Amino acid sequence: MLPSLTSLLITLLALAVVLGLILLAQRLARITGLAPKGGGRLRLEETLALDPRRRLHLVACDGRHVLLLTGGGRDQVIGWLSGPEARP
């Protein structure tokens, strides 16, 4: 039993309307201040793929930067950076 073309188009139109309403609600929430604007304390600055499994991440936290190695046998904090070497 295949749905008719009309019911398929109505379904796709309804999906588009719902997704549009979700995006509109998100924008309104940001404009009114109900949603965060991305100015949090943590920020991912850069990511470097070392091999297919491991990644090196530069994360900013409260004005300082930390290097994190993820994806191996265990995740590791490589070290904290501060000053001009933190962001070339």
N, C-alpha and C. Protein backbone atom coordinates (compact mmCIF):
# COMPACT_ATOMS: atom_id res chain seq x y z
N MET A 1 0.83 -1.17 0.00
CA MET A 1 0.00 0.00 0.00
C MET A 1 0.88 1.25 0.00
N LEU A 2 0.96 1.88 -1.11
CA LEU A 2 1.73 3.10 -1.22
C LEU A 2 0.82 4.30 -0.97
N PRO A 3 1.34 5.28 -0.22
CA PRO A 3 0.52 6.47 0.01
C PRO A 3 0.38 7.26 -1.29
N SER A 4 -0.69 7.96 -1.40
CA SER A 4 -0.91 8.75 -2.61
C SER A 4 0.05 9.94 -2.61
N LEU A 5 0.24 10.50 -3.77
CA LEU A 5 1.15 11.63 -3.92
C LEU A 5 0.66 12.84 -3.12
N THR A 6 -0.63 13.02 -3.05
CA THR A 6 -1.18 14.15 -2.30
C THR A 6 -0.88 14.04 -0.81
N SER A 7 -1.06 12.85 -0.24
CA SER A 7 -0.79 12.70 1.18
C SER A 7 0.70 12.82 1.48
N LEU A 8 1.55 12.38 0.55
CA LEU A 8 2.99 12.52 0.73
C LEU A 8 3.38 14.00 0.70
N LEU A 9 2.82 14.77 -0.21
CA LEU A 9 3.13 16.20 -0.27
C LEU A 9 2.62 16.94 0.96
N ILE A 10 1.45 16.58 1.45
CA ILE A 10 0.91 17.20 2.66
C ILE A 10 1.82 16.89 3.86
N THR A 11 2.31 15.65 3.93
CA THR A 11 3.21 15.27 5.03
C THR A 11 4.51 16.06 4.97
N LEU A 12 5.09 16.20 3.77
CA LEU A 12 6.33 16.96 3.64
C LEU A 12 6.12 18.44 3.94
N LEU A 13 4.99 18.98 3.53
CA LEU A 13 4.68 20.37 3.85
C LEU A 13 4.51 20.58 5.35
N ALA A 14 3.85 19.64 6.01
CA ALA A 14 3.67 19.74 7.46
C ALA A 14 5.02 19.66 8.18
N LEU A 15 5.90 18.79 7.70
CA LEU A 15 7.24 18.69 8.29
C LEU A 15 8.00 19.99 8.11
N ALA A 16 7.92 20.60 6.93
CA ALA A 16 8.61 21.86 6.69
C ALA A 16 8.07 22.97 7.59
N VAL A 17 6.75 22.99 7.80
CA VAL A 17 6.16 24.00 8.68
C VAL A 17 6.63 23.82 10.12
N VAL A 18 6.67 22.58 10.59
CA VAL A 18 7.11 22.31 11.97
C VAL A 18 8.58 22.70 12.14
N LEU A 19 9.44 22.34 11.17
CA LEU A 19 10.85 22.72 11.27
C LEU A 19 11.02 24.23 11.23
N GLY A 20 10.23 24.91 10.41
CA GLY A 20 10.28 26.37 10.37
C GLY A 20 9.86 26.99 11.69
N LEU A 21 8.83 26.44 12.32
CA LEU A 21 8.40 26.95 13.63
C LEU A 21 9.46 26.73 14.70
N ILE A 22 10.16 25.60 14.63
CA ILE A 22 11.24 25.33 15.59
C ILE A 22 12.36 26.36 15.42
N LEU A 23 12.75 26.62 14.17
CA LEU A 23 13.81 27.61 13.93
C LEU A 23 13.37 29.01 14.35
N LEU A 24 12.13 29.35 14.10
CA LEU A 24 11.61 30.64 14.52
C LEU A 24 11.61 30.77 16.04
N ALA A 25 11.21 29.72 16.74
CA ALA A 25 11.22 29.74 18.20
C ALA A 25 12.65 29.89 18.74
N GLN A 26 13.60 29.25 18.08
CA GLN A 26 15.00 29.37 18.51
C GLN A 26 15.48 30.81 18.36
N ARG A 27 15.18 31.43 17.22
CA ARG A 27 15.60 32.82 17.02
C ARG A 27 14.96 33.76 18.02
N LEU A 28 13.68 33.57 18.25
CA LEU A 28 12.99 34.42 19.21
C LEU A 28 13.56 34.25 20.62
N ALA A 29 13.90 33.03 20.98
CA ALA A 29 14.48 32.78 22.29
C ALA A 29 15.82 33.49 22.44
N ARG A 30 16.62 33.50 21.37
CA ARG A 30 17.91 34.19 21.44
C ARG A 30 17.74 35.69 21.48
N ILE A 31 16.80 36.22 20.72
CA ILE A 31 16.57 37.66 20.68
C ILE A 31 16.07 38.16 22.04
N THR A 32 15.17 37.41 22.65
CA THR A 32 14.59 37.84 23.93
C THR A 32 15.48 37.52 25.12
N GLY A 33 16.57 36.76 24.91
CA GLY A 33 17.48 36.46 26.00
C GLY A 33 17.13 35.19 26.76
N LEU A 34 16.17 34.42 26.28
CA LEU A 34 15.82 33.18 26.97
C LEU A 34 16.81 32.06 26.69
N ALA A 35 17.54 32.15 25.59
CA ALA A 35 18.54 31.14 25.23
C ALA A 35 19.93 31.77 25.29
N PRO A 36 20.94 31.00 25.67
CA PRO A 36 22.29 31.55 25.71
C PRO A 36 22.77 31.91 24.31
N LYS A 37 23.63 32.92 24.24
CA LYS A 37 24.14 33.39 22.96
C LYS A 37 25.53 32.83 22.66
N GLY A 38 25.98 31.85 23.38
CA GLY A 38 27.27 31.25 23.10
C GLY A 38 28.43 31.91 23.81
N GLY A 39 28.19 32.77 24.77
CA GLY A 39 29.25 33.45 25.48
C GLY A 39 29.60 32.75 26.77
N GLY A 40 29.62 31.43 26.76
CA GLY A 40 29.88 30.67 27.96
C GLY A 40 31.35 30.67 28.35
N ARG A 41 31.66 29.94 29.38
CA ARG A 41 33.02 29.89 29.89
C ARG A 41 33.90 28.95 29.09
N LEU A 42 33.34 27.93 28.45
CA LEU A 42 34.11 26.97 27.66
C LEU A 42 33.89 27.21 26.18
N ARG A 43 34.98 27.10 25.43
CA ARG A 43 34.90 27.31 23.99
C ARG A 43 35.94 26.42 23.32
N LEU A 44 35.54 25.68 22.29
CA LEU A 44 36.47 24.87 21.51
C LEU A 44 37.12 25.76 20.47
N GLU A 45 38.42 25.96 20.57
CA GLU A 45 39.14 26.86 19.66
C GLU A 45 39.54 26.13 18.39
N GLU A 46 40.20 24.98 18.51
CA GLU A 46 40.67 24.23 17.35
C GLU A 46 40.71 22.75 17.67
N THR A 47 40.66 21.94 16.61
CA THR A 47 40.80 20.49 16.74
C THR A 47 41.74 20.02 15.64
N LEU A 48 42.66 19.13 15.98
CA LEU A 48 43.61 18.59 15.02
C LEU A 48 43.53 17.08 15.07
N ALA A 49 43.27 16.44 13.92
CA ALA A 49 43.23 14.98 13.85
C ALA A 49 44.66 14.46 13.74
N LEU A 50 45.08 13.68 14.72
CA LEU A 50 46.42 13.12 14.70
C LEU A 50 46.47 11.82 13.91
N ASP A 51 45.44 11.02 14.01
CA ASP A 51 45.26 9.79 13.26
C ASP A 51 43.77 9.49 13.24
N PRO A 52 43.34 8.36 12.67
CA PRO A 52 41.89 8.12 12.59
C PRO A 52 41.16 8.09 13.93
N ARG A 53 41.85 7.80 15.02
CA ARG A 53 41.19 7.72 16.33
C ARG A 53 41.46 8.90 17.25
N ARG A 54 42.67 9.43 17.22
CA ARG A 54 43.05 10.44 18.20
C ARG A 54 42.92 11.85 17.67
N ARG A 55 42.52 12.75 18.57
CA ARG A 55 42.36 14.17 18.24
C ARG A 55 43.01 15.01 19.34
N LEU A 56 43.58 16.13 18.92
CA LEU A 56 44.14 17.10 19.85
C LEU A 56 43.22 18.32 19.82
N HIS A 57 42.69 18.71 20.98
CA HIS A 57 41.74 19.81 21.08
C HIS A 57 42.36 20.96 21.87
N LEU A 58 42.18 22.17 21.37
CA LEU A 58 42.55 23.38 22.11
C LEU A 58 41.26 24.00 22.62
N VAL A 59 41.09 24.00 23.95
CA VAL A 59 39.86 24.47 24.58
C VAL A 59 40.18 25.69 25.42
N ALA A 60 39.35 26.74 25.28
CA ALA A 60 39.50 27.94 26.09
C ALA A 60 38.56 27.82 27.29
N CYS A 61 39.09 28.15 28.47
CA CYS A 61 38.30 28.10 29.69
C CYS A 61 38.70 29.28 30.57
N ASP A 62 37.78 30.23 30.75
CA ASP A 62 38.03 31.41 31.59
C ASP A 62 39.31 32.15 31.20
N GLY A 63 39.51 32.34 29.90
CA GLY A 63 40.67 33.10 29.45
C GLY A 63 41.95 32.30 29.36
N ARG A 64 41.96 31.07 29.79
CA ARG A 64 43.13 30.20 29.69
C ARG A 64 42.84 29.13 28.65
N HIS A 65 43.87 28.48 28.15
CA HIS A 65 43.72 27.44 27.15
C HIS A 65 44.32 26.14 27.66
N VAL A 66 43.68 25.04 27.29
CA VAL A 66 44.16 23.73 27.69
C VAL A 66 44.19 22.84 26.44
N LEU A 67 45.23 22.00 26.34
CA LEU A 67 45.34 21.02 25.27
C LEU A 67 44.84 19.68 25.78
N LEU A 68 43.90 19.08 25.06
CA LEU A 68 43.34 17.79 25.44
C LEU A 68 43.58 16.79 24.32
N LEU A 69 44.05 15.59 24.69
CA LEU A 69 44.23 14.50 23.74
C LEU A 69 43.11 13.49 23.98
N THR A 70 42.27 13.25 22.96
CA THR A 70 41.14 12.35 23.11
C THR A 70 41.19 11.25 22.06
N GLY A 71 40.49 10.15 22.36
CA GLY A 71 40.31 9.10 21.38
C GLY A 71 41.26 7.93 21.48
N GLY A 72 42.27 7.99 22.31
CA GLY A 72 43.17 6.87 22.46
C GLY A 72 42.64 5.90 23.49
N GLY A 73 43.53 5.22 24.17
CA GLY A 73 43.13 4.32 25.24
C GLY A 73 42.47 5.06 26.38
N ARG A 74 42.91 6.28 26.60
CA ARG A 74 42.29 7.16 27.61
C ARG A 74 42.53 8.61 27.19
N ASP A 75 41.66 9.48 27.63
CA ASP A 75 41.80 10.90 27.33
C ASP A 75 42.79 11.53 28.31
N GLN A 76 43.56 12.50 27.83
CA GLN A 76 44.59 13.11 28.67
C GLN A 76 44.59 14.62 28.54
N VAL A 77 44.91 15.28 29.63
CA VAL A 77 45.19 16.72 29.61
C VAL A 77 46.67 16.86 29.32
N ILE A 78 47.01 17.44 28.19
CA ILE A 78 48.41 17.61 27.82
C ILE A 78 49.03 18.75 28.61
N GLY A 79 48.29 19.84 28.74
CA GLY A 79 48.82 20.95 29.54
C GLY A 79 48.01 22.21 29.35
N TRP A 80 48.20 23.13 30.29
CA TRP A 80 47.54 24.44 30.26
C TRP A 80 48.48 25.42 29.62
N LEU A 81 47.94 26.29 28.78
CA LEU A 81 48.72 27.35 28.15
C LEU A 81 48.22 28.68 28.68
N SER A 82 49.11 29.64 28.79
CA SER A 82 48.70 30.99 29.21
C SER A 82 49.57 31.99 28.49
N GLY A 83 49.08 33.19 28.35
CA GLY A 83 49.86 34.23 27.72
C GLY A 83 49.80 34.17 26.20
N PRO A 84 50.79 34.79 25.54
CA PRO A 84 50.74 34.91 24.08
C PRO A 84 50.87 33.58 23.35
N GLU A 85 51.48 32.57 23.94
CA GLU A 85 51.62 31.27 23.26
C GLU A 85 50.30 30.52 23.21
N ALA A 86 49.31 30.97 23.96
CA ALA A 86 48.03 30.28 23.96
C ALA A 86 47.30 30.46 22.64
N ARG A 87 47.47 31.58 21.99
CA ARG A 87 46.78 31.84 20.72
C ARG A 87 47.73 32.53 19.78
N PRO A 88 48.37 31.79 18.86
CA PRO A 88 49.36 32.42 17.95
C PRO A 88 48.74 33.40 17.01
